[in-house]
């Protein structure tokens, strides 16, 4: 399977997302710094998505809320992936 590379504008968009999540209280300062480092080092879309994913939803919420948040997170992740693929395709055109 081909791995799509990311560029600086895509990393900048991911960093803006992390800053917004930090501002709304979803990430503490240490988590923001860890994820920021991962985003800056990301070379592929998969690495970028992994750095912006939220693996802790299940630990923080009851199951009914988890199901809803998981669907929302999945849709948001898919949207980010589609946008990144479209940007990559547009760059190749």
PDB file of N, CA and C in Angstrom:
ATOM      1  N   UNK A   1       0.835  -1.184   0.000  1.00  0.00           N
ATOM      2  CA  UNK A   1       0.000   0.000   0.000  1.00  0.00           C
ATOM      3  C   UNK A   1       0.878   1.244   0.000  1.00  0.00           C
ATOM      4  N   UNK A   2       0.546   2.191  -0.868  1.00  0.00           N
ATOM      5  CA  UNK A   2       1.316   3.410  -0.984  1.00  0.00           C
ATOM      6  C   UNK A   2       1.036   4.338   0.193  1.00  0.00           C
ATOM      7  N   UNK A   3       2.093   4.917   0.735  1.00  0.00           N
ATOM      8  CA  UNK A   3       1.934   5.878   1.814  1.00  0.00           C
ATOM      9  C   UNK A   3       2.103   7.274   1.235  1.00  0.00           C
ATOM     10  N   UNK A   4       1.129   8.141   1.507  1.00  0.00           N
ATOM     11  CA  UNK A   4       1.180   9.499   1.003  1.00  0.00           C
ATOM     12  C   UNK A   4       1.993  10.372   1.943  1.00  0.00           C
ATOM     13  N   UNK A   5       2.899  11.153   1.368  1.00  0.00           N
ATOM     14  CA  UNK A   5       3.717  12.057   2.160  1.00  0.00           C
ATOM     15  C   UNK A   5       2.928  13.328   2.481  1.00  0.00           C
ATOM     16  N   UNK A   6       3.280  13.938   3.614  1.00  0.00           N
ATOM     17  CA  UNK A   6       2.656  15.204   3.997  1.00  0.00           C
ATOM     18  C   UNK A   6       3.662  16.330   3.809  1.00  0.00           C
ATOM     19  N   UNK A   7       3.146  17.542   3.669  1.00  0.00           N
ATOM     20  CA  UNK A   7       4.017  18.698   3.523  1.00  0.00           C
ATOM     21  C   UNK A   7       3.758  19.686   4.665  1.00  0.00           C
ATOM     22  N   UNK A   8       4.493  20.779   4.650  1.00  0.00           N
ATOM     23  CA  UNK A   8       4.396  21.744   5.749  1.00  0.00           C
ATOM     24  C   UNK A   8       2.997  22.334   5.936  1.00  0.00           C
ATOM     25  N   UNK A   9       2.271  22.694   4.876  1.00  0.00           N
ATOM     26  CA  UNK A   9       0.908  23.223   5.104  1.00  0.00           C
ATOM     27  C   UNK A   9      -0.010  22.199   5.792  1.00  0.00           C
ATOM     28  N   UNK A  10       0.158  20.931   5.481  1.00  0.00           N
ATOM     29  CA  UNK A  10      -0.655  19.903   6.134  1.00  0.00           C
ATOM     30  C   UNK A  10      -0.262  19.766   7.603  1.00  0.00           C
ATOM     31  N   UNK A  11       1.036  19.824   7.872  1.00  0.00           N
ATOM     32  CA  UNK A  11       1.490  19.786   9.272  1.00  0.00           C
ATOM     33  C   UNK A  11       0.976  21.014  10.023  1.00  0.00           C
ATOM     34  N   UNK A  12       1.013  22.183   9.373  1.00  0.00           N
ATOM     35  CA  UNK A  12       0.518  23.408  10.004  1.00  0.00           C
ATOM     36  C   UNK A  12      -0.961  23.286  10.354  1.00  0.00           C
ATOM     37  N   UNK A  13      -1.744  22.680   9.468  1.00  0.00           N
ATOM     38  CA  UNK A  13      -3.174  22.483   9.737  1.00  0.00           C
ATOM     39  C   UNK A  13      -3.368  21.547  10.928  1.00  0.00           C
ATOM     40  N   UNK A  14      -2.567  20.495  10.999  1.00  0.00           N
ATOM     41  CA  UNK A  14      -2.661  19.561  12.124  1.00  0.00           C
ATOM     42  C   UNK A  14      -2.254  20.249  13.428  1.00  0.00           C
ATOM     43  N   UNK A  15      -1.233  21.088  13.379  1.00  0.00           N
ATOM     44  CA  UNK A  15      -0.805  21.824  14.574  1.00  0.00           C
ATOM     45  C   UNK A  15      -1.889  22.792  15.031  1.00  0.00           C
ATOM     46  N   UNK A  16      -2.557  23.430  14.088  1.00  0.00           N
ATOM     47  CA  UNK A  16      -3.660  24.335  14.444  1.00  0.00           C
ATOM     48  C   UNK A  16      -4.779  23.551  15.125  1.00  0.00           C
ATOM     49  N   UNK A  17      -5.055  22.354  14.626  1.00  0.00           N
ATOM     50  CA  UNK A  17      -6.071  21.503  15.249  1.00  0.00           C
ATOM     51  C   UNK A  17      -5.673  21.157  16.687  1.00  0.00           C
ATOM     52  N   UNK A  18      -4.406  20.788  16.898  1.00  0.00           N
ATOM     53  CA  UNK A  18      -3.950  20.448  18.246  1.00  0.00           C
ATOM     54  C   UNK A  18      -4.051  21.653  19.181  1.00  0.00           C
ATOM     55  N   UNK A  19      -3.683  22.827  18.685  1.00  0.00           N
ATOM     56  CA  UNK A  19      -3.786  24.038  19.525  1.00  0.00           C
ATOM     57  C   UNK A  19      -5.242  24.308  19.898  1.00  0.00           C
ATOM     58  N   UNK A  20      -6.155  24.089  18.958  1.00  0.00           N
ATOM     59  CA  UNK A  20      -7.582  24.290  19.244  1.00  0.00           C
ATOM     60  C   UNK A  20      -8.069  23.285  20.288  1.00  0.00           C
ATOM     61  N   UNK A  21      -7.626  22.042  20.178  1.00  0.00           N
ATOM     62  CA  UNK A  21      -8.006  21.027  21.161  1.00  0.00           C
ATOM     63  C   UNK A  21      -7.441  21.369  22.538  1.00  0.00           C
ATOM     64  N   UNK A  22      -6.235  21.895  22.580  1.00  0.00           N
ATOM     65  CA  UNK A  22      -5.632  22.323  23.842  1.00  0.00           C
ATOM     66  C   UNK A  22      -6.431  23.490  24.426  1.00  0.00           C
ATOM     67  N   UNK A  23      -6.826  24.433  23.578  1.00  0.00           N
ATOM     68  CA  UNK A  23      -7.573  25.605  24.041  1.00  0.00           C
ATOM     69  C   UNK A  23      -8.927  25.214  24.632  1.00  0.00           C
ATOM     70  N   UNK A  24      -9.543  24.174  24.093  1.00  0.00           N
ATOM     71  CA  UNK A  24     -10.846  23.756  24.636  1.00  0.00           C
ATOM     72  C   UNK A  24     -10.692  22.793  25.805  1.00  0.00           C
ATOM     73  N   UNK A  25      -9.447  22.480  26.180  1.00  0.00           N
ATOM     74  CA  UNK A  25      -9.194  21.658  27.357  1.00  0.00           C
ATOM     75  C   UNK A  25      -9.094  20.167  27.098  1.00  0.00           C
ATOM     76  N   UNK A  26      -9.099  19.760  25.844  1.00  0.00           N
ATOM     77  CA  UNK A  26      -9.024  18.330  25.521  1.00  0.00           C
ATOM     78  C   UNK A  26      -7.617  17.773  25.694  1.00  0.00           C
ATOM     79  N   UNK A  27      -6.608  18.634  25.609  1.00  0.00           N
ATOM     80  CA  UNK A  27      -5.209  18.212  25.771  1.00  0.00           C
ATOM     81  C   UNK A  27      -4.544  19.078  26.828  1.00  0.00           C
ATOM     82  N   UNK A  28      -3.769  18.449  27.705  1.00  0.00           N
ATOM     83  CA  UNK A  28      -2.988  19.257  28.638  1.00  0.00           C
ATOM     84  C   UNK A  28      -1.694  19.691  27.940  1.00  0.00           C
ATOM     85  N   UNK A  29      -0.896  20.505  28.598  1.00  0.00           N
ATOM     86  CA  UNK A  29       0.311  21.062  27.985  1.00  0.00           C
ATOM     87  C   UNK A  29       1.303  19.970  27.582  1.00  0.00           C
ATOM     88  N   UNK A  30       1.484  18.974  28.430  1.00  0.00           N
ATOM     89  CA  UNK A  30       2.432  17.899  28.114  1.00  0.00           C
ATOM     90  C   UNK A  30       1.981  17.112  26.891  1.00  0.00           C
ATOM     91  N   UNK A  31       0.679  16.826  26.812  1.00  0.00           N
ATOM     92  CA  UNK A  31       0.147  16.089  25.659  1.00  0.00           C
ATOM     93  C   UNK A  31       0.248  16.928  24.391  1.00  0.00           C
ATOM     94  N   UNK A  32      -0.023  18.225  24.499  1.00  0.00           N
ATOM     95  CA  UNK A  32       0.124  19.124  23.355  1.00  0.00           C
ATOM     96  C   UNK A  32       1.560  19.103  22.846  1.00  0.00           C
ATOM     97  N   UNK A  33       2.519  19.191  23.752  1.00  0.00           N
ATOM     98  CA  UNK A  33       3.929  19.195  23.357  1.00  0.00           C
ATOM     99  C   UNK A  33       4.333  17.871  22.709  1.00  0.00           C
ATOM    100  N   UNK A  34       3.856  16.745  23.273  1.00  0.00           N
ATOM    101  CA  UNK A  34       4.190  15.430  22.718  1.00  0.00           C
ATOM    102  C   UNK A  34       3.628  15.295  21.304  1.00  0.00           C
ATOM    103  N   UNK A  35       2.367  15.656  21.157  1.00  0.00           N
ATOM    104  CA  UNK A  35       1.722  15.532  19.841  1.00  0.00           C
ATOM    105  C   UNK A  35       2.299  16.525  18.838  1.00  0.00           C
ATOM    106  N   UNK A  36       2.666  17.711  19.297  1.00  0.00           N
ATOM    107  CA  UNK A  36       3.285  18.696  18.415  1.00  0.00           C
ATOM    108  C   UNK A  36       4.581  18.140  17.835  1.00  0.00           C
ATOM    109  N   UNK A  37       5.371  17.500  18.669  1.00  0.00           N
ATOM    110  CA  UNK A  37       6.610  16.873  18.202  1.00  0.00           C
ATOM    111  C   UNK A  37       6.307  15.797  17.168  1.00  0.00           C
ATOM    112  N   UNK A  38       5.291  14.970  17.433  1.00  0.00           N
ATOM    113  CA  UNK A  38       4.923  13.908  16.493  1.00  0.00           C
ATOM    114  C   UNK A  38       4.473  14.488  15.156  1.00  0.00           C
ATOM    115  N   UNK A  39       3.679  15.558  15.201  1.00  0.00           N
ATOM    116  CA  UNK A  39       3.205  16.182  13.959  1.00  0.00           C
ATOM    117  C   UNK A  39       4.384  16.749  13.175  1.00  0.00           C
ATOM    118  N   UNK A  40       5.284  17.423  13.856  1.00  0.00           N
ATOM    119  CA  UNK A  40       6.447  18.001  13.167  1.00  0.00           C
ATOM    120  C   UNK A  40       7.335  16.939  12.542  1.00  0.00           C
ATOM    121  N   UNK A  41       7.369  15.740  13.136  1.00  0.00           N
ATOM    122  CA  UNK A  41       8.196  14.656  12.614  1.00  0.00           C
ATOM    123  C   UNK A  41       7.456  13.780  11.608  1.00  0.00           C
ATOM    124  N   UNK A  42       6.143  13.962  11.482  1.00  0.00           N
ATOM    125  CA  UNK A  42       5.339  13.119  10.586  1.00  0.00           C
ATOM    126  C   UNK A  42       5.794  13.284   9.142  1.00  0.00           C
ATOM    127  N   UNK A  43       5.942  12.166   8.465  1.00  0.00           N
ATOM    128  CA  UNK A  43       6.327  12.165   7.054  1.00  0.00           C
ATOM    129  C   UNK A  43       5.207  11.624   6.166  1.00  0.00           C
ATOM    130  N   UNK A  44       4.238  10.912   6.778  1.00  0.00           N
ATOM    131  CA  UNK A  44       3.148  10.317   6.004  1.00  0.00           C
ATOM    132  C   UNK A  44       1.807  10.732   6.598  1.00  0.00           C
ATOM    133  N   UNK A  45       0.756  10.570   5.787  1.00  0.00           N
ATOM    134  CA  UNK A  45      -0.599  10.864   6.262  1.00  0.00           C
ATOM    135  C   UNK A  45      -0.928   9.998   7.470  1.00  0.00           C
ATOM    136  N   UNK A  46      -0.533   8.729   7.435  1.00  0.00           N
ATOM    137  CA  UNK A  46      -0.813   7.824   8.557  1.00  0.00           C
ATOM    138  C   UNK A  46      -0.173   8.341   9.854  1.00  0.00           C
ATOM    139  N   UNK A  47       1.057   8.818   9.772  1.00  0.00           N
ATOM    140  CA  UNK A  47       1.729   9.351  10.959  1.00  0.00           C
ATOM    141  C   UNK A  47       1.030  10.619  11.453  1.00  0.00           C
ATOM    142  N   UNK A  48       0.583  11.445  10.517  1.00  0.00           N
ATOM    143  CA  UNK A  48      -0.107  12.676  10.890  1.00  0.00           C
ATOM    144  C   UNK A  48      -1.436  12.365  11.570  1.00  0.00           C
ATOM    145  N   UNK A  49      -2.171  11.416  11.030  1.00  0.00           N
ATOM    146  CA  UNK A  49      -3.445  11.029  11.638  1.00  0.00           C
ATOM    147  C   UNK A  49      -3.238  10.418  13.022  1.00  0.00           C
ATOM    148  N   UNK A  50      -2.185   9.605  13.161  1.00  0.00           N
ATOM    149  CA  UNK A  50      -1.901   8.993  14.464  1.00  0.00           C
ATOM    150  C   UNK A  50      -1.566  10.060  15.509  1.00  0.00           C
ATOM    151  N   UNK A  51      -0.865  11.097  15.091  1.00  0.00           N
ATOM    152  CA  UNK A  51      -0.469  12.157  16.029  1.00  0.00           C
ATOM    153  C   UNK A  51      -1.650  13.021  16.463  1.00  0.00           C
ATOM    154  N   UNK A  52      -2.730  13.030  15.672  1.00  0.00           N
ATOM    155  CA  UNK A  52      -3.879  13.861  16.011  1.00  0.00           C
ATOM    156  C   UNK A  52      -5.072  13.043  16.503  1.00  0.00           C
ATOM    157  N   UNK A  53      -4.928  11.721  16.576  1.00  0.00           N
ATOM    158  CA  UNK A  53      -6.020  10.853  17.039  1.00  0.00           C
ATOM    159  C   UNK A  53      -6.214  10.997  18.544  1.00  0.00           C
ATOM    160  N   UNK A  54      -7.383  10.562  19.029  1.00  0.00           N
ATOM    161  CA  UNK A  54      -7.689  10.635  20.453  1.00  0.00           C
ATOM    162  C   UNK A  54      -7.922   9.230  21.006  1.00  0.00           C
ATOM    163  N   UNK A  55      -6.864   8.550  21.450  1.00  0.00           N
ATOM    164  CA  UNK A  55      -6.996   7.180  21.951  1.00  0.00           C
ATOM    165  C   UNK A  55      -7.589   7.087  23.350  1.00  0.00           C
ATOM    166  N   UNK A  56      -7.782   8.207  24.032  1.00  0.00           N
ATOM    167  CA  UNK A  56      -8.215   8.160  25.432  1.00  0.00           C
ATOM    168  C   UNK A  56      -9.715   8.344  25.620  1.00  0.00           C
ATOM    169  N   UNK A  57     -10.497   8.448  24.559  1.00  0.00           N
ATOM    170  CA  UNK A  57     -11.942   8.680  24.716  1.00  0.00           C
ATOM    171  C   UNK A  57     -12.571   7.589  25.585  1.00  0.00           C
ATOM    172  N   UNK A  58     -12.230   6.332  25.342  1.00  0.00           N
ATOM    173  CA  UNK A  58     -12.846   5.222  26.073  1.00  0.00           C
ATOM    174  C   UNK A  58     -12.522   5.263  27.567  1.00  0.00           C
ATOM    175  N   UNK A  59     -11.389   5.842  27.945  1.00  0.00           N
ATOM    176  CA  UNK A  59     -10.998   5.900  29.351  1.00  0.00           C
ATOM    177  C   UNK A  59     -11.735   6.993  30.115  1.00  0.00           C
ATOM    178  N   UNK A  60     -12.303   7.968  29.417  1.00  0.00           N
ATOM    179  CA  UNK A  60     -12.854   9.137  30.077  1.00  0.00           C
ATOM    180  C   UNK A  60     -14.373   9.177  30.176  1.00  0.00           C
ATOM    181  N   UNK A  61     -15.075   8.373  29.387  1.00  0.00           N
ATOM    182  CA  UNK A  61     -16.515   8.533  29.273  1.00  0.00           C
ATOM    183  C   UNK A  61     -17.257   7.210  29.428  1.00  0.00           C
ATOM    184  N   UNK A  62     -18.533   7.268  29.839  1.00  0.00           N
ATOM    185  CA  UNK A  62     -19.345   6.055  29.893  1.00  0.00           C
ATOM    186  C   UNK A  62     -19.584   5.510  28.486  1.00  0.00           C
ATOM    187  N   UNK A  63     -19.944   4.222  28.354  1.00  0.00           N
ATOM    188  CA  UNK A  63     -20.059   3.587  27.040  1.00  0.00           C
ATOM    189  C   UNK A  63     -20.975   4.295  26.047  1.00  0.00           C
ATOM    190  N   UNK A  64     -22.129   4.795  26.475  1.00  0.00           N
ATOM    191  CA  UNK A  64     -23.024   5.442  25.506  1.00  0.00           C
ATOM    192  C   UNK A  64     -22.394   6.704  24.922  1.00  0.00           C
ATOM    193  N   UNK A  65     -21.683   7.433  25.750  1.00  0.00           N
ATOM    194  CA  UNK A  65     -20.997   8.630  25.274  1.00  0.00           C
ATOM    195  C   UNK A  65     -19.826   8.228  24.383  1.00  0.00           C
ATOM    196  N   UNK A  66     -19.151   7.149  24.746  1.00  0.00           N
ATOM    197  CA  UNK A  66     -18.020   6.666  23.947  1.00  0.00           C
ATOM    198  C   UNK A  66     -18.471   6.327  22.537  1.00  0.00           C
ATOM    199  N   UNK A  67     -19.593   5.641  22.401  1.00  0.00           N
ATOM    200  CA  UNK A  67     -20.083   5.263  21.076  1.00  0.00           C
ATOM    201  C   UNK A  67     -20.326   6.501  20.220  1.00  0.00           C
ATOM    202  N   UNK A  68     -20.969   7.502  20.783  1.00  0.00           N
ATOM    203  CA  UNK A  68     -21.236   8.731  20.041  1.00  0.00           C
ATOM    204  C   UNK A  68     -19.934   9.450  19.700  1.00  0.00           C
ATOM    205  N   UNK A  69     -19.066   9.614  20.691  1.00  0.00           N
ATOM    206  CA  UNK A  69     -17.805  10.319  20.458  1.00  0.00           C
ATOM    207  C   UNK A  69     -16.930   9.560  19.468  1.00  0.00           C
ATOM    208  N   UNK A  70     -16.980   8.244  19.512  1.00  0.00           N
ATOM    209  CA  UNK A  70     -16.192   7.447  18.576  1.00  0.00           C
ATOM    210  C   UNK A  70     -16.672   7.666  17.150  1.00  0.00           C
ATOM    211  N   UNK A  71     -17.980   7.720  16.956  1.00  0.00           N
ATOM    212  CA  UNK A  71     -18.519   7.981  15.617  1.00  0.00           C
ATOM    213  C   UNK A  71     -18.112   9.369  15.139  1.00  0.00           C
ATOM    214  N   UNK A  72     -18.208  10.345  16.024  1.00  0.00           N
ATOM    215  CA  UNK A  72     -17.824  11.709  15.665  1.00  0.00           C
ATOM    216  C   UNK A  72     -16.332  11.767  15.342  1.00  0.00           C
ATOM    217  N   UNK A  73     -15.522  11.125  16.174  1.00  0.00           N
ATOM    218  CA  UNK A  73     -14.076  11.119  15.940  1.00  0.00           C
ATOM    219  C   UNK A  73     -13.739  10.403  14.637  1.00  0.00           C
ATOM    220  N   UNK A  74     -14.421   9.301  14.366  1.00  0.00           N
ATOM    221  CA  UNK A  74     -14.184   8.571  13.124  1.00  0.00           C
ATOM    222  C   UNK A  74     -14.534   9.436  11.919  1.00  0.00           C
ATOM    223  N   UNK A  75     -15.682  10.096  11.977  1.00  0.00           N
ATOM    224  CA  UNK A  75     -16.080  10.964  10.867  1.00  0.00           C
ATOM    225  C   UNK A  75     -15.104  12.125  10.695  1.00  0.00           C
ATOM    226  N   UNK A  76     -14.653  12.702  11.794  1.00  0.00           N
ATOM    227  CA  UNK A  76     -13.687  13.804  11.717  1.00  0.00           C
ATOM    228  C   UNK A  76     -12.369  13.312  11.128  1.00  0.00           C
ATOM    229  N   UNK A  77     -11.931  12.141  11.565  1.00  0.00           N
ATOM    230  CA  UNK A  77     -10.696  11.563  11.020  1.00  0.00           C
ATOM    231  C   UNK A  77     -10.811  11.257   9.540  1.00  0.00           C
ATOM    232  N   UNK A  78     -11.966  10.731   9.136  1.00  0.00           N
ATOM    233  CA  UNK A  78     -12.181  10.457   7.716  1.00  0.00           C
ATOM    234  C   UNK A  78     -12.191  11.746   6.904  1.00  0.00           C
ATOM    235  N   UNK A  79     -12.799  12.780   7.451  1.00  0.00           N
ATOM    236  CA  UNK A  79     -12.813  14.064   6.768  1.00  0.00           C
ATOM    237  C   UNK A  79     -11.394  14.604   6.582  1.00  0.00           C
ATOM    238  N   UNK A  80     -10.587  14.524   7.629  1.00  0.00           N
ATOM    239  CA  UNK A  80      -9.193  14.974   7.537  1.00  0.00           C
ATOM    240  C   UNK A  80      -8.455  14.156   6.482  1.00  0.00           C
ATOM    241  N   UNK A  81      -8.662  12.838   6.496  1.00  0.00           N
ATOM    242  CA  UNK A  81      -7.989  11.973   5.521  1.00  0.00           C
ATOM    243  C   UNK A  81      -8.407  12.325   4.100  1.00  0.00           C
ATOM    244  N   UNK A  82      -9.693  12.559   3.879  1.00  0.00           N
ATOM    245  CA  UNK A  82     -10.176  12.904   2.540  1.00  0.00           C
ATOM    246  C   UNK A  82      -9.562  14.231   2.087  1.00  0.00           C
ATOM    247  N   UNK A  83      -9.544  15.206   2.971  1.00  0.00           N
ATOM    248  CA  UNK A  83      -8.967  16.502   2.617  1.00  0.00           C
ATOM    249  C   UNK A  83      -7.490  16.345   2.276  1.00  0.00           C
ATOM    250  N   UNK A  84      -6.758  15.579   3.072  1.00  0.00           N
ATOM    251  CA  UNK A  84      -5.341  15.381   2.802  1.00  0.00           C
ATOM    252  C   UNK A  84      -5.129  14.679   1.463  1.00  0.00           C
ATOM    253  N   UNK A  85      -5.933  13.678   1.170  1.00  0.00           N
ATOM    254  CA  UNK A  85      -5.808  12.971  -0.106  1.00  0.00           C
ATOM    255  C   UNK A  85      -6.128  13.915  -1.260  1.00  0.00           C
ATOM    256  N   UNK A  86      -7.170  14.722  -1.116  1.00  0.00           N
ATOM    257  CA  UNK A  86      -7.513  15.678  -2.173  1.00  0.00           C
ATOM    258  C   UNK A  86      -6.396  16.674  -2.404  1.00  0.00           C
ATOM    259  N   UNK A  87      -5.779  17.130  -1.325  1.00  0.00           N
ATOM    260  CA  UNK A  87      -4.640  18.065  -1.460  1.00  0.00           C
ATOM    261  C   UNK A  87      -3.493  17.378  -2.184  1.00  0.00           C
ATOM    262  N   UNK A  88      -3.220  16.136  -1.806  1.00  0.00           N
ATOM    263  CA  UNK A  88      -2.133  15.399  -2.459  1.00  0.00           C
ATOM    264  C   UNK A  88      -2.444  15.167  -3.936  1.00  0.00           C
ATOM    265  N   UNK A  89      -3.671  14.832  -4.260  1.00  0.00           N
ATOM    266  CA  UNK A  89      -4.055  14.621  -5.648  1.00  0.00           C
ATOM    267  C   UNK A  89      -3.964  15.923  -6.444  1.00  0.00           C
ATOM    268  N   UNK A  90      -4.372  17.028  -5.836  1.00  0.00           N
ATOM    269  CA  UNK A  90      -4.314  18.322  -6.504  1.00  0.00           C
ATOM    270  C   UNK A  90      -2.873  18.736  -6.776  1.00  0.00           C
ATOM    271  N   UNK A  91      -1.986  18.413  -5.865  1.00  0.00           N
ATOM    272  CA  UNK A  91      -0.577  18.746  -6.054  1.00  0.00           C
ATOM    273  C   UNK A  91       0.031  17.941  -7.196  1.00  0.00           C
ATOM    274  N   UNK A  92      -0.476  16.711  -7.375  1.00  0.00           N
ATOM    275  CA  UNK A  92       0.062  15.839  -8.431  1.00  0.00           C
ATOM    276  C   UNK A  92      -0.531  16.151  -9.790  1.00  0.00           C
ATOM    277  N   UNK A  93      -1.612  16.904  -9.811  1.00  0.00           N
ATOM    278  CA  UNK A  93      -2.302  17.177 -11.087  1.00  0.00           C
ATOM    279  C   UNK A  93      -1.607  18.267 -11.876  1.00  0.00           C
TER     280      UNK A  93
END
